[in-house]
N, C-alpha and C. Protein backbone atom coordinates (compact mmCIF):
# COMPACT_ATOMS: atom_id res chain seq x y z
N MET A 1 -16.37 40.63 -1.81
CA MET A 1 -15.98 40.85 -2.94
C MET A 1 -16.74 41.68 -4.19
N THR A 2 -16.34 42.78 -4.77
CA THR A 2 -16.91 43.09 -5.69
C THR A 2 -17.04 42.33 -7.08
N ASN A 3 -18.22 42.43 -7.89
CA ASN A 3 -18.47 41.87 -8.96
C ASN A 3 -16.64 42.00 -9.95
N SER A 4 -16.28 43.29 -9.98
CA SER A 4 -14.97 43.45 -10.81
C SER A 4 -14.07 42.53 -10.52
N ALA A 5 -13.85 42.57 -9.11
CA ALA A 5 -12.74 41.64 -8.44
C ALA A 5 -13.31 40.20 -8.74
N ILE A 6 -14.37 39.59 -8.61
CA ILE A 6 -14.79 38.53 -9.11
C ILE A 6 -14.04 38.30 -11.00
N GLN A 7 -14.19 39.38 -11.46
CA GLN A 7 -13.89 39.08 -12.88
C GLN A 7 -12.39 38.92 -12.84
N LEU A 8 -11.83 39.54 -12.24
CA LEU A 8 -10.52 39.22 -12.15
C LEU A 8 -9.56 37.97 -11.53
N ALA A 9 -10.40 37.41 -11.05
CA ALA A 9 -9.96 36.15 -10.58
C ALA A 9 -10.08 35.25 -11.89
N PHE A 10 -9.02 34.11 -11.51
CA PHE A 10 -8.79 33.19 -12.91
C PHE A 10 -9.95 32.52 -13.15
N ASP A 11 -10.34 32.39 -14.47
CA ASP A 11 -11.64 31.84 -14.91
C ASP A 11 -11.04 30.41 -15.31
N GLY A 12 -11.73 29.38 -14.91
CA GLY A 12 -10.59 27.81 -15.13
C GLY A 12 -11.43 27.05 -15.98
N SER A 13 -13.22 27.83 -16.04
CA SER A 13 -14.05 26.98 -17.44
C SER A 13 -13.00 26.91 -18.25
N GLY A 14 -12.34 27.61 -19.16
CA GLY A 14 -11.95 27.32 -20.45
C GLY A 14 -10.80 25.75 -20.09
N ILE A 15 -10.71 25.19 -19.31
CA ILE A 15 -10.08 24.24 -19.05
C ILE A 15 -10.75 22.89 -19.33
N ASP A 16 -11.59 22.83 -18.50
CA ASP A 16 -12.32 21.45 -18.97
C ASP A 16 -13.92 22.06 -18.22
N GLY A 17 -14.35 23.16 -18.88
CA GLY A 17 -15.94 23.33 -18.42
C GLY A 17 -16.68 22.33 -19.03
N SER A 18 -16.72 22.12 -20.32
CA SER A 18 -17.56 21.08 -20.48
C SER A 18 -17.62 19.45 -20.13
N LEU A 19 -16.52 19.02 -20.14
CA LEU A 19 -16.30 18.48 -18.84
C LEU A 19 -17.22 18.35 -17.38
N PHE A 20 -16.89 19.20 -16.68
CA PHE A 20 -17.73 19.73 -15.82
C PHE A 20 -19.14 19.83 -15.91
N THR A 21 -19.67 20.69 -16.77
CA THR A 21 -20.93 20.75 -17.22
C THR A 21 -21.71 19.28 -17.52
N THR A 22 -20.83 18.10 -18.32
CA THR A 22 -21.38 17.01 -18.74
C THR A 22 -21.70 16.09 -17.24
N VAL A 23 -20.61 16.07 -16.06
CA VAL A 23 -20.98 16.05 -15.20
C VAL A 23 -22.08 16.51 -13.98
N THR A 24 -22.40 17.82 -14.07
CA THR A 24 -23.46 18.32 -13.41
C THR A 24 -24.54 18.44 -14.55
N ASP A 25 -24.78 18.10 -15.67
CA ASP A 25 -26.09 17.73 -16.05
C ASP A 25 -26.42 16.25 -15.54
N PHE A 26 -25.27 15.45 -15.42
CA PHE A 26 -25.51 14.01 -15.21
C PHE A 26 -26.19 14.00 -13.42
N ALA A 27 -25.71 15.06 -12.63
CA ALA A 27 -26.30 15.71 -11.25
C ALA A 27 -27.78 16.15 -11.60
N ARG A 28 -28.19 16.94 -12.59
CA ARG A 28 -29.52 17.19 -12.64
C ARG A 28 -30.41 15.89 -13.20
N ASP A 29 -29.71 15.16 -13.77
CA ASP A 29 -30.79 14.20 -14.50
C ASP A 29 -30.76 12.96 -13.05
N THR A 30 -29.89 12.95 -12.38
CA THR A 30 -30.27 12.23 -11.09
C THR A 30 -30.33 12.84 -9.78
N LYS A 31 -31.67 13.20 -9.87
CA LYS A 31 -31.67 14.38 -8.52
C LYS A 31 -31.86 13.73 -7.69
N TRP A 32 -32.59 12.66 -7.51
CA TRP A 32 -32.56 11.74 -6.31
C TRP A 32 -31.23 11.57 -5.68
N LEU A 33 -30.06 11.47 -6.26
CA LEU A 33 -28.71 11.23 -5.91
C LEU A 33 -28.43 12.77 -4.96
N ASN A 34 -29.01 13.75 -5.23
CA ASN A 34 -28.48 14.59 -5.28
C ASN A 34 -28.16 15.52 -3.80
N SER A 35 -29.34 15.07 -2.87
CA SER A 35 -29.28 14.90 -1.25
C SER A 35 -28.24 13.78 -0.86
N PRO A 36 -28.29 13.10 -1.10
CA PRO A 36 -26.73 11.91 -0.40
C PRO A 36 -25.80 12.32 -1.21
N LEU A 37 -25.70 12.35 -2.29
CA LEU A 37 -24.07 12.83 -2.38
C LEU A 37 -23.48 14.18 -1.72
N ALA A 38 -24.57 15.23 -1.40
CA ALA A 38 -24.49 16.67 -0.62
C ALA A 38 -23.95 16.03 0.74
N LEU A 39 -25.09 15.18 1.22
CA LEU A 39 -24.75 14.77 2.77
C LEU A 39 -23.05 14.08 2.74
N TRP A 40 -22.99 13.21 2.00
CA TRP A 40 -21.73 12.49 1.69
C TRP A 40 -20.39 13.18 1.81
N THR A 41 -20.36 14.08 0.85
CA THR A 41 -19.16 14.80 0.49
C THR A 41 -18.55 15.48 1.68
N ASN A 42 -19.03 15.92 2.46
CA ASN A 42 -18.72 16.42 3.84
C ASN A 42 -18.81 15.19 4.77
N ALA A 43 -19.82 14.66 5.03
CA ALA A 43 -19.70 13.27 6.02
C ALA A 43 -18.60 12.14 6.06
N GLY A 44 -18.23 12.43 4.34
CA GLY A 44 -17.39 11.12 3.91
C GLY A 44 -16.17 11.56 4.00
N LEU A 45 -16.04 12.64 4.89
CA LEU A 45 -14.30 12.74 5.29
C LEU A 45 -14.07 12.23 6.50
N ALA A 46 -14.88 12.01 7.04
CA ALA A 46 -14.78 11.28 8.06
C ALA A 46 -14.27 9.51 8.06
N VAL A 47 -14.24 9.20 6.49
CA VAL A 47 -13.59 7.80 6.60
C VAL A 47 -12.37 7.97 6.58
N PHE A 48 -11.82 8.96 5.97
CA PHE A 48 -10.52 9.07 6.16
C PHE A 48 -9.93 9.21 7.74
N ALA A 49 -10.51 9.98 8.21
CA ALA A 49 -10.03 10.12 9.94
C ALA A 49 -10.01 8.57 9.96
N VAL A 50 -11.37 7.62 9.89
CA VAL A 50 -11.15 6.67 10.65
C VAL A 50 -9.77 5.73 9.74
N LEU A 51 -9.90 5.72 8.76
CA LEU A 51 -8.63 5.02 8.08
C LEU A 51 -7.28 5.13 8.87
N MET A 52 -7.25 6.62 9.46
CA MET A 52 -5.63 6.69 9.80
C MET A 52 -5.94 6.11 11.25
N LEU A 53 -7.39 6.25 12.09
CA LEU A 53 -7.09 5.56 13.37
C LEU A 53 -7.16 4.05 13.46
N MET A 54 -7.35 3.45 11.89
CA MET A 54 -7.34 2.14 12.10
C MET A 54 -5.72 1.76 11.69
N GLY A 55 -4.79 2.67 11.19
CA GLY A 55 -3.80 2.83 10.51
C GLY A 55 -2.90 2.49 11.91
N TRP A 56 -3.62 3.72 13.16
CA TRP A 56 -3.05 3.48 14.53
C TRP A 56 -2.97 2.59 15.28
N TRP A 57 -4.17 2.12 15.15
CA TRP A 57 -4.77 0.69 16.19
C TRP A 57 -3.97 -0.06 15.80
N ARG A 58 -3.45 -0.38 14.34
CA ARG A 58 -2.81 -1.88 13.86
C ARG A 58 -1.34 -1.69 14.56
N ALA A 59 -0.64 -0.27 14.02
CA ALA A 59 0.40 -0.18 14.74
C ALA A 59 0.95 -0.35 15.90
N ARG A 60 -0.09 -0.21 17.03
CA ARG A 60 0.21 -0.62 18.11
C ARG A 60 0.87 -1.92 18.46
N ARG A 61 0.44 -2.61 17.28
CA ARG A 61 1.12 -4.36 17.50
C ARG A 61 2.24 -4.53 16.72
N ARG A 62 2.65 -3.21 16.34
CA ARG A 62 3.74 -3.25 15.06
C ARG A 62 5.23 -2.39 15.83
N ASP A 63 6.19 -2.60 14.93
CA ASP A 63 7.22 -1.75 15.50
C ASP A 63 7.06 -0.54 15.57
N THR A 64 8.20 0.48 16.70
CA THR A 64 8.10 1.35 16.70
C THR A 64 8.17 2.47 15.07
N PRO A 65 8.92 2.00 14.25
CA PRO A 65 8.93 2.63 13.05
C PRO A 65 7.85 2.73 12.40
N ALA A 66 6.72 1.72 12.54
CA ALA A 66 5.39 1.93 12.16
C ALA A 66 4.32 2.64 13.03
N MET A 67 4.47 2.50 14.24
CA MET A 67 3.60 3.68 15.33
C MET A 67 4.48 4.81 14.76
N THR A 68 5.23 5.35 14.69
CA THR A 68 6.14 6.47 13.99
C THR A 68 5.05 7.33 12.70
N LEU A 69 5.15 6.19 11.63
CA LEU A 69 4.05 6.42 10.88
C LEU A 69 3.11 7.07 10.72
N ALA A 70 2.29 6.18 11.90
CA ALA A 70 0.55 6.10 12.20
C ALA A 70 0.71 7.74 12.69
N LEU A 71 1.33 7.95 13.43
CA LEU A 71 1.63 9.34 14.15
C LEU A 71 1.61 10.49 13.18
N ALA A 72 2.40 9.99 12.27
CA ALA A 72 2.92 11.25 11.31
C ALA A 72 1.48 11.67 10.11
N ALA A 73 0.94 10.42 10.10
CA ALA A 73 -0.26 10.66 9.17
C ALA A 73 -1.20 11.73 8.90
N PRO A 74 -1.50 11.72 10.24
CA PRO A 74 -2.64 13.21 9.93
C PRO A 74 -1.95 14.59 9.78
N VAL A 75 -0.62 14.41 10.77
CA VAL A 75 0.60 15.56 10.51
C VAL A 75 0.45 15.93 8.64
N ALA A 76 0.84 15.02 8.40
CA ALA A 76 1.17 14.88 6.84
C ALA A 76 0.09 15.45 5.90
N VAL A 77 -1.18 14.72 6.55
CA VAL A 77 -2.38 15.22 5.77
C VAL A 77 -2.94 16.68 6.25
N VAL A 78 -2.44 17.47 7.23
CA VAL A 78 -3.26 18.38 7.61
C VAL A 78 -2.10 19.23 6.78
N LEU A 79 -0.61 19.06 6.87
CA LEU A 79 0.05 20.23 5.84
C LEU A 79 0.03 20.13 4.68
N ALA A 80 -0.50 19.10 4.23
CA ALA A 80 -1.03 18.98 2.86
C ALA A 80 -1.93 20.12 2.66
N PHE A 81 -2.73 19.78 3.27
CA PHE A 81 -4.15 20.81 3.29
C PHE A 81 -3.66 22.08 3.64
N GLY A 82 -3.02 22.65 4.18
CA GLY A 82 -2.25 23.91 4.65
C GLY A 82 -1.60 24.27 3.32
N VAL A 83 -0.72 23.56 2.46
CA VAL A 83 -0.16 24.17 1.15
C VAL A 83 -1.03 24.15 0.09
N ALA A 84 -2.47 23.46 0.25
CA ALA A 84 -3.21 23.61 -0.96
C ALA A 84 -4.28 24.85 -0.83
N GLU A 85 -4.04 25.28 0.72
CA GLU A 85 -4.95 26.47 0.75
C GLU A 85 -4.27 28.11 0.43
N VAL A 86 -2.52 27.95 0.75
CA VAL A 86 -1.66 28.79 0.11
C VAL A 86 -1.93 29.01 -1.47
N VAL A 87 -1.82 27.51 -1.88
CA VAL A 87 -1.71 27.81 -3.75
C VAL A 87 -3.38 28.22 -4.11
N LYS A 88 -4.26 27.91 -3.21
CA LYS A 88 -5.32 28.35 -3.49
C LYS A 88 -5.67 29.89 -3.44
N LYS A 89 -5.13 30.52 -2.39
CA LYS A 89 -4.93 32.11 -2.42
C LYS A 89 -4.26 32.32 -3.88
N LEU A 90 -3.23 31.75 -3.94
CA LEU A 90 -2.08 32.74 -5.12
C LEU A 90 -2.85 32.12 -6.59
N VAL A 91 -3.54 30.92 -6.73
CA VAL A 91 -4.60 30.92 -7.69
C VAL A 91 -5.37 31.65 -8.04
N ALA A 92 -6.32 31.79 -7.30
CA ALA A 92 -7.22 32.88 -6.87
C ALA A 92 -8.24 32.31 -8.38
N GLU A 93 -9.00 30.97 -8.58
CA GLU A 93 -9.66 30.63 -9.46
C GLU A 93 -11.27 30.64 -8.78
N ALA A 94 -11.81 31.08 -9.48
CA ALA A 94 -13.39 31.28 -9.61
C ALA A 94 -13.93 30.54 -9.18
N ARG A 95 -15.19 30.11 -8.56
CA ARG A 95 -15.84 28.83 -8.48
C ARG A 95 -16.70 29.14 -9.88
N PRO A 96 -16.83 27.77 -9.77
CA PRO A 96 -17.75 27.53 -11.15
C PRO A 96 -18.90 28.14 -11.31
N CYS A 97 -19.58 28.42 -10.26
CA CYS A 97 -20.86 28.70 -10.22
C CYS A 97 -20.68 30.58 -10.66
N TYR A 98 -19.51 31.25 -10.30
CA TYR A 98 -19.55 32.36 -11.06
C TYR A 98 -18.90 32.00 -12.24
N SER A 99 -18.59 31.43 -12.73
CA SER A 99 -18.08 31.51 -14.32
C SER A 99 -18.53 30.85 -15.28
N LEU A 100 -19.72 29.77 -14.86
CA LEU A 100 -20.89 29.13 -15.20
C LEU A 100 -22.19 29.03 -14.91
N PRO A 101 -22.43 30.14 -14.48
CA PRO A 101 -23.88 30.24 -13.96
C PRO A 101 -25.06 30.01 -14.01
N HIS A 102 -25.00 29.33 -15.71
CA HIS A 102 -26.18 28.73 -15.96
C HIS A 102 -26.02 27.32 -15.91
N ALA A 103 -24.96 26.57 -15.07
CA ALA A 103 -24.95 25.09 -15.40
C ALA A 103 -25.90 25.33 -13.58
N TYR A 104 -26.31 23.48 -14.18
CA TYR A 104 -26.65 23.20 -12.96
C TYR A 104 -25.99 22.83 -11.67
N PHE A 105 -26.16 23.44 -10.54
CA PHE A 105 -25.69 23.02 -8.88
C PHE A 105 -26.40 22.61 -8.21
N VAL A 106 -25.71 21.39 -7.69
CA VAL A 106 -26.19 20.99 -6.32
C VAL A 106 -26.40 21.90 -5.26
N ASP A 107 -25.03 22.09 -5.15
CA ASP A 107 -24.91 23.05 -3.66
C ASP A 107 -24.87 24.35 -3.80
N SER A 108 -25.19 25.39 -3.20
CA SER A 108 -25.14 26.82 -3.46
C SER A 108 -24.15 27.63 -3.40
N CYS A 109 -23.71 28.47 -3.70
CA CYS A 109 -22.42 29.19 -4.65
C CYS A 109 -21.60 29.44 -3.18
N ALA A 110 -20.14 29.21 -3.34
CA ALA A 110 -19.83 29.74 -2.05
C ALA A 110 -19.16 30.76 -2.02
N ALA A 111 -18.94 31.86 -1.11
CA ALA A 111 -18.36 33.01 -1.27
C ALA A 111 -17.09 33.46 -2.33
N PRO A 112 -17.34 34.41 -2.81
CA PRO A 112 -15.83 34.78 -3.95
C PRO A 112 -14.69 34.87 -3.34
N SER A 113 -14.27 34.82 -2.23
CA SER A 113 -13.06 34.60 -1.65
C SER A 113 -12.80 32.88 -1.36
N ASP A 114 -13.99 32.33 -1.48
CA ASP A 114 -13.36 30.65 -1.29
C ASP A 114 -13.22 30.16 -2.74
N TYR A 115 -12.00 30.09 -3.18
CA TYR A 115 -11.54 30.09 -4.21
C TYR A 115 -11.56 28.81 -4.90
N ALA A 116 -11.25 28.06 -5.87
CA ALA A 116 -11.81 26.81 -6.50
C ALA A 116 -10.88 25.75 -6.45
N PHE A 117 -9.29 26.40 -6.56
CA PHE A 117 -8.37 25.64 -7.11
C PHE A 117 -7.09 25.14 -6.29
N PRO A 118 -6.99 24.18 -5.64
CA PRO A 118 -7.68 23.14 -5.88
C PRO A 118 -8.68 22.92 -4.64
N SER A 119 -9.00 21.56 -4.87
CA SER A 119 -9.87 21.36 -4.20
C SER A 119 -9.49 20.57 -2.69
N GLY A 120 -10.30 21.43 -1.49
CA GLY A 120 -9.65 21.41 -0.18
C GLY A 120 -10.03 19.65 -0.17
N HIS A 121 -11.24 19.06 -0.15
CA HIS A 121 -11.99 17.96 -0.08
C HIS A 121 -11.02 17.12 -0.56
N SER A 122 -10.87 17.53 -2.07
CA SER A 122 -9.95 16.41 -2.59
C SER A 122 -8.51 16.40 -1.97
N THR A 123 -7.91 17.65 -1.06
CA THR A 123 -6.44 17.40 -0.97
C THR A 123 -6.56 16.35 0.41
N THR A 124 -7.42 16.55 1.34
CA THR A 124 -7.14 15.95 2.28
C THR A 124 -7.81 14.05 1.90
N ALA A 125 -8.41 14.15 0.91
CA ALA A 125 -8.50 12.81 0.64
C ALA A 125 -7.50 11.98 0.05
N PHE A 126 -6.43 12.66 -0.79
CA PHE A 126 -5.48 12.09 -1.51
C PHE A 126 -4.47 12.29 -0.81
N ALA A 127 -4.27 13.17 0.31
CA ALA A 127 -3.51 13.03 1.59
C ALA A 127 -3.00 12.59 2.35
N THR A 128 -4.43 11.38 2.68
CA THR A 128 -4.45 10.12 3.42
C THR A 128 -4.14 9.12 2.77
N VAL A 129 -4.10 8.94 1.51
CA VAL A 129 -3.84 7.92 0.51
C VAL A 129 -2.45 7.89 0.56
N ALA A 130 -1.39 9.30 0.70
CA ALA A 130 -0.63 9.27 -0.03
C ALA A 130 0.43 8.51 1.81
N ALA A 131 -0.09 9.36 3.05
CA ALA A 131 0.27 9.16 4.06
C ALA A 131 0.11 7.82 4.77
N LEU A 132 -0.83 7.12 4.41
CA LEU A 132 -1.12 5.75 4.60
C LEU A 132 -0.13 4.46 3.47
N TRP A 133 0.14 5.14 2.52
CA TRP A 133 0.69 3.97 1.74
C TRP A 133 1.89 3.70 2.25
N LEU A 134 2.69 4.15 2.99
CA LEU A 134 4.09 4.14 3.80
C LEU A 134 3.83 3.02 4.86
N LEU A 135 2.79 3.22 5.64
CA LEU A 135 2.07 2.35 6.87
C LEU A 135 1.58 1.29 6.82
N ASP A 136 0.18 1.04 5.72
CA ASP A 136 -0.58 0.05 5.42
C ASP A 136 -0.63 -0.20 4.28
N ARG A 137 -0.39 -0.52 3.22
CA ARG A 137 -0.92 -0.62 1.52
C ARG A 137 -2.57 -0.90 1.75
N ARG A 138 -2.93 -1.97 2.69
CA ARG A 138 -4.20 -2.35 2.06
C ARG A 138 -5.22 -1.28 2.53
N LEU A 139 -4.67 -0.40 3.97
CA LEU A 139 -5.37 0.78 3.91
C LEU A 139 -5.46 1.82 3.10
N SER A 140 -4.02 2.04 2.59
CA SER A 140 -3.71 3.02 1.52
C SER A 140 -4.84 2.90 0.13
N LEU A 141 -4.80 1.62 -0.16
CA LEU A 141 -5.83 0.89 -1.33
C LEU A 141 -6.91 1.36 -0.95
N ILE A 142 -7.90 0.96 0.37
CA ILE A 142 -9.32 1.35 0.25
C ILE A 142 -9.20 3.03 0.51
N ALA A 143 -8.34 3.58 0.61
CA ALA A 143 -8.35 5.17 0.65
C ALA A 143 -8.63 5.78 -0.47
N VAL A 144 -7.64 5.03 -1.60
CA VAL A 144 -7.72 5.48 -3.20
C VAL A 144 -9.17 5.76 -3.55
N GLY A 145 -10.16 4.30 -3.19
CA GLY A 145 -11.17 4.50 -3.58
C GLY A 145 -12.37 5.37 -3.50
N PHE A 146 -12.17 5.44 -1.87
CA PHE A 146 -12.73 6.56 -1.27
C PHE A 146 -12.34 8.05 -1.77
N ALA A 147 -11.33 7.94 -2.14
CA ALA A 147 -10.82 9.55 -2.44
C ALA A 147 -11.07 9.84 -3.99
N VAL A 148 -10.97 9.03 -4.62
CA VAL A 148 -11.87 9.31 -5.96
C VAL A 148 -13.42 9.40 -6.22
N PHE A 149 -13.97 8.90 -5.20
CA PHE A 149 -15.12 8.86 -5.30
C PHE A 149 -15.55 10.36 -4.52
N GLU A 150 -14.55 11.06 -3.72
CA GLU A 150 -14.58 12.40 -2.79
C GLU A 150 -14.50 13.49 -3.88
N GLY A 151 -13.90 12.73 -4.70
CA GLY A 151 -12.99 13.60 -5.82
C GLY A 151 -14.57 14.30 -6.83
N PHE A 152 -15.25 13.11 -6.87
CA PHE A 152 -16.54 13.03 -8.20
C PHE A 152 -17.41 13.63 -7.30
N THR A 153 -17.68 13.40 -6.34
CA THR A 153 -18.84 14.31 -5.72
C THR A 153 -18.53 15.64 -5.83
N ARG A 154 -17.36 16.26 -5.81
CA ARG A 154 -17.10 17.67 -5.42
C ARG A 154 -17.48 17.97 -7.27
N VAL A 155 -17.32 17.56 -8.23
CA VAL A 155 -17.71 18.06 -9.08
C VAL A 155 -19.15 17.65 -9.35
N TYR A 156 -19.52 16.65 -8.94
CA TYR A 156 -21.02 16.28 -9.36
C TYR A 156 -21.89 17.56 -8.62
N LEU A 157 -21.72 17.76 -7.49
CA LEU A 157 -22.17 18.85 -6.62
C LEU A 157 -21.80 20.29 -7.25
N GLY A 158 -20.97 20.54 -8.16
CA GLY A 158 -20.60 21.61 -8.72
C GLY A 158 -20.06 22.59 -8.07
N ASP A 159 -19.32 22.18 -7.09
CA ASP A 159 -18.57 22.99 -5.98
C ASP A 159 -16.63 22.91 -6.71
N HIS A 160 -16.40 22.20 -7.97
CA HIS A 160 -15.32 22.16 -8.34
C HIS A 160 -15.56 21.78 -9.55
N TYR A 161 -14.09 22.06 -10.64
CA TYR A 161 -13.97 21.61 -11.78
C TYR A 161 -13.27 20.32 -11.79
N PRO A 162 -13.31 19.58 -12.65
CA PRO A 162 -12.39 18.53 -12.67
C PRO A 162 -10.84 18.48 -12.39
N HIS A 163 -10.55 19.62 -13.01
CA HIS A 163 -8.76 19.91 -12.68
C HIS A 163 -8.54 20.26 -11.23
N ASP A 164 -9.66 21.06 -10.83
CA ASP A 164 -9.48 21.22 -9.53
C ASP A 164 -9.44 20.27 -8.54
N VAL A 165 -10.05 19.09 -8.69
CA VAL A 165 -9.60 17.75 -8.11
C VAL A 165 -8.10 17.09 -8.51
N LEU A 166 -8.07 17.04 -9.86
CA LEU A 166 -6.67 16.13 -10.32
C LEU A 166 -5.51 17.38 -9.81
N GLY A 167 -5.41 18.40 -9.75
CA GLY A 167 -4.33 19.32 -9.23
C GLY A 167 -4.76 19.27 -7.65
N ALA A 168 -5.50 18.67 -6.80
CA ALA A 168 -5.33 18.22 -5.26
C ALA A 168 -5.04 17.10 -5.33
N ALA A 169 -5.14 15.74 -6.00
CA ALA A 169 -4.51 14.63 -5.87
C ALA A 169 -2.92 15.17 -6.32
N LEU A 170 -2.13 15.95 -7.51
CA LEU A 170 -1.10 15.83 -7.74
C LEU A 170 -0.40 16.69 -6.53
N LEU A 171 -0.98 17.57 -5.57
CA LEU A 171 -0.45 18.42 -5.15
C LEU A 171 -0.09 17.48 -3.52
N ALA A 172 -1.44 16.90 -3.33
CA ALA A 172 -1.36 16.22 -2.05
C ALA A 172 -0.44 14.92 -1.91
N VAL A 173 -0.80 14.45 -2.83
CA VAL A 173 0.59 13.04 -3.04
C VAL A 173 1.94 13.20 -2.26
N PRO A 174 2.46 13.83 -3.43
CA PRO A 174 3.83 14.38 -2.82
C PRO A 174 4.45 14.74 -1.87
N VAL A 175 3.18 16.06 -1.03
CA VAL A 175 3.32 16.53 0.18
C VAL A 175 3.22 15.35 1.10
N ALA A 176 2.50 14.88 1.43
CA ALA A 176 1.98 14.02 2.17
C ALA A 176 3.00 12.90 2.27
N TYR A 177 3.12 12.40 1.12
CA TYR A 177 4.49 11.27 1.42
C TYR A 177 5.51 11.41 1.49
N LEU A 178 6.14 12.85 1.23
CA LEU A 178 7.41 13.16 1.93
C LEU A 178 7.57 13.61 3.14
N THR A 179 6.11 13.97 3.71
CA THR A 179 6.03 14.63 5.27
C THR A 179 5.98 13.30 5.48
N SER A 180 5.41 12.11 5.58
CA SER A 180 5.20 10.97 6.34
C SER A 180 6.65 10.00 6.30
N ARG A 181 7.35 10.46 5.10
CA ARG A 181 8.80 9.94 5.00
C ARG A 181 9.65 10.50 6.02
N VAL A 182 9.78 11.69 5.97
CA VAL A 182 10.54 12.84 7.13
C VAL A 182 10.33 12.33 8.16
N LEU A 183 9.06 12.47 8.65
CA LEU A 183 8.65 12.39 10.12
C LEU A 183 9.05 10.73 10.48
N GLY A 184 8.51 10.14 9.37
CA GLY A 184 8.81 8.64 9.83
C GLY A 184 10.10 8.55 10.08
N GLY A 185 11.04 8.99 9.70
CA GLY A 185 12.95 8.64 10.05
C GLY A 185 13.07 9.21 11.59
N ILE A 186 12.71 11.19 11.11
CA ILE A 186 13.32 11.54 12.64
C ILE A 186 12.77 11.11 13.72
N ALA A 187 11.17 11.16 13.76
CA ALA A 187 10.84 10.73 14.94
C ALA A 187 10.76 9.68 15.48
N VAL A 188 11.66 8.81 15.01
CA VAL A 188 11.32 7.27 15.70
C VAL A 188 12.02 7.37 17.15
N PRO A 189 13.11 7.72 17.26
CA PRO A 189 13.82 8.03 18.74
C PRO A 189 12.42 8.58 19.73
N LEU A 190 11.99 9.85 19.16
CA LEU A 190 10.85 10.06 19.98
C LEU A 190 9.55 8.96 20.22
N VAL A 191 9.22 8.39 19.19
CA VAL A 191 8.12 7.59 19.69
C VAL A 191 8.66 6.50 20.39
N ALA A 192 9.73 6.32 20.11
CA ALA A 192 10.45 4.82 21.02
C ALA A 192 10.58 5.21 22.21
N ARG A 193 10.88 6.46 22.77
CA ARG A 193 10.51 6.67 24.22
C ARG A 193 8.88 7.02 24.84
N LEU A 194 8.23 7.67 24.42
CA LEU A 194 7.26 7.69 24.35
C LEU A 194 5.85 6.38 24.11
N ARG A 195 6.99 5.53 23.68
CA ARG A 195 6.15 3.78 23.79
C ARG A 195 6.72 3.12 25.10
N ASP A 196 7.55 4.11 25.37
CA ASP A 196 8.33 2.84 27.05
C ASP A 196 7.73 4.01 28.03
N GLY A 197 7.07 4.81 27.80
CA GLY A 197 6.94 5.85 28.84
C GLY A 197 5.40 5.68 29.27
N ALA A 198 4.81 7.15 29.74
CA ALA A 198 3.22 7.20 29.99
C ALA A 198 2.22 6.98 28.94
N LEU A 199 2.92 7.14 27.62
CA LEU A 199 1.69 6.97 26.60
C LEU A 199 1.74 5.69 26.19
N ALA A 200 2.74 4.59 26.84
CA ALA A 200 2.69 2.82 26.39
C ALA A 200 1.26 2.36 25.95
N PRO A 201 0.20 2.57 26.97
CA PRO A 201 -1.03 2.23 26.82
C PRO A 201 -1.78 2.61 25.27
N VAL A 202 -1.28 4.27 24.89
CA VAL A 202 -1.86 4.34 23.57
C VAL A 202 -1.07 3.97 22.25
N LEU A 203 0.19 3.92 22.79
CA LEU A 203 1.17 3.68 21.53
C LEU A 203 1.57 2.31 21.48
N LYS A 204 1.20 1.19 22.33
CA LYS A 204 1.91 -0.15 22.19
C LYS A 204 0.56 -1.02 22.82
N ALA A 205 0.28 -1.91 22.10
CA ALA A 205 -0.85 -3.18 22.38
C ALA A 205 -0.08 -3.90 23.64
N PRO A 206 -0.81 -4.46 24.73
CA PRO A 206 -0.41 -5.42 25.37
C PRO A 206 0.37 -6.47 24.92
N ARG A 207 1.20 -6.94 25.61
CA ARG A 207 2.00 -8.29 25.31
C ARG A 207 0.91 -9.33 24.84
N GLY A 208 1.17 -10.44 23.65
CA GLY A 208 0.82 -11.36 23.13
C GLY A 208 -0.27 -11.04 22.36
N GLY A 209 -0.47 -10.03 21.91
CA GLY A 209 -1.22 -9.66 20.41
C GLY A 209 -0.43 -10.30 19.31
N ALA A 210 -1.57 -10.16 18.20
CA ALA A 210 -1.36 -10.73 17.00
C ALA A 210 -0.27 -9.79 16.27
N HIS A 211 0.67 -9.84 15.59
CA HIS A 211 1.52 -8.72 14.93
C HIS A 211 0.86 -8.56 13.71
N ALA A 212 0.39 -7.66 13.43
CA ALA A 212 -0.37 -7.09 12.13
C ALA A 212 0.21 -6.79 10.67
N ALA A 213 0.32 -7.64 9.91
CA ALA A 213 0.92 -7.06 8.81
C ALA A 213 0.39 -6.13 8.14
N ARG A 214 1.84 -5.63 7.55
CA ARG A 214 1.70 -4.53 6.46
C ARG A 214 0.74 -4.58 5.25
């Protein structure tokens, strides 16, 4: 993308650029945290996959509607991420490194066509929160803490403005929640058949196991 094309992209620095630089100044002053948080921001996404796996594992000892919600969770997260990618192309907000080049950045600047709003990492994180809410409140609340931290790292590293993270949450939560609720209703008969068929060992725990509480 040419420099003129970059200039035509939406400049989000006028929304909360000062808050962004406050956080990145903190990153500059805590360089000992730069590498650990740079590692975490991507590797930490595995936590959300683990939480969904835990939801599936516990649902094996619960009823069919619970297992349906467990299977719907990753679908809801993927759908929310897909919607976020469409919004990202429509908004076309330039990354902070292009709009605020003199700020401190831990991460290298992304390609000009890799837009900022909404944050994809934060979308995945908050979509997991919403997808787990109908299935297991405790796992969902654990996901909240990790999601907030994930959003913080995206700003700390200089990849996103705070509003990119907030926008991701506002988009991901309703999309993932509604997807889980819809699939959790219409897919119950299918999951019931699968639980009594060849996939029974994967979708149903052996008899005699303790019932996992919601």
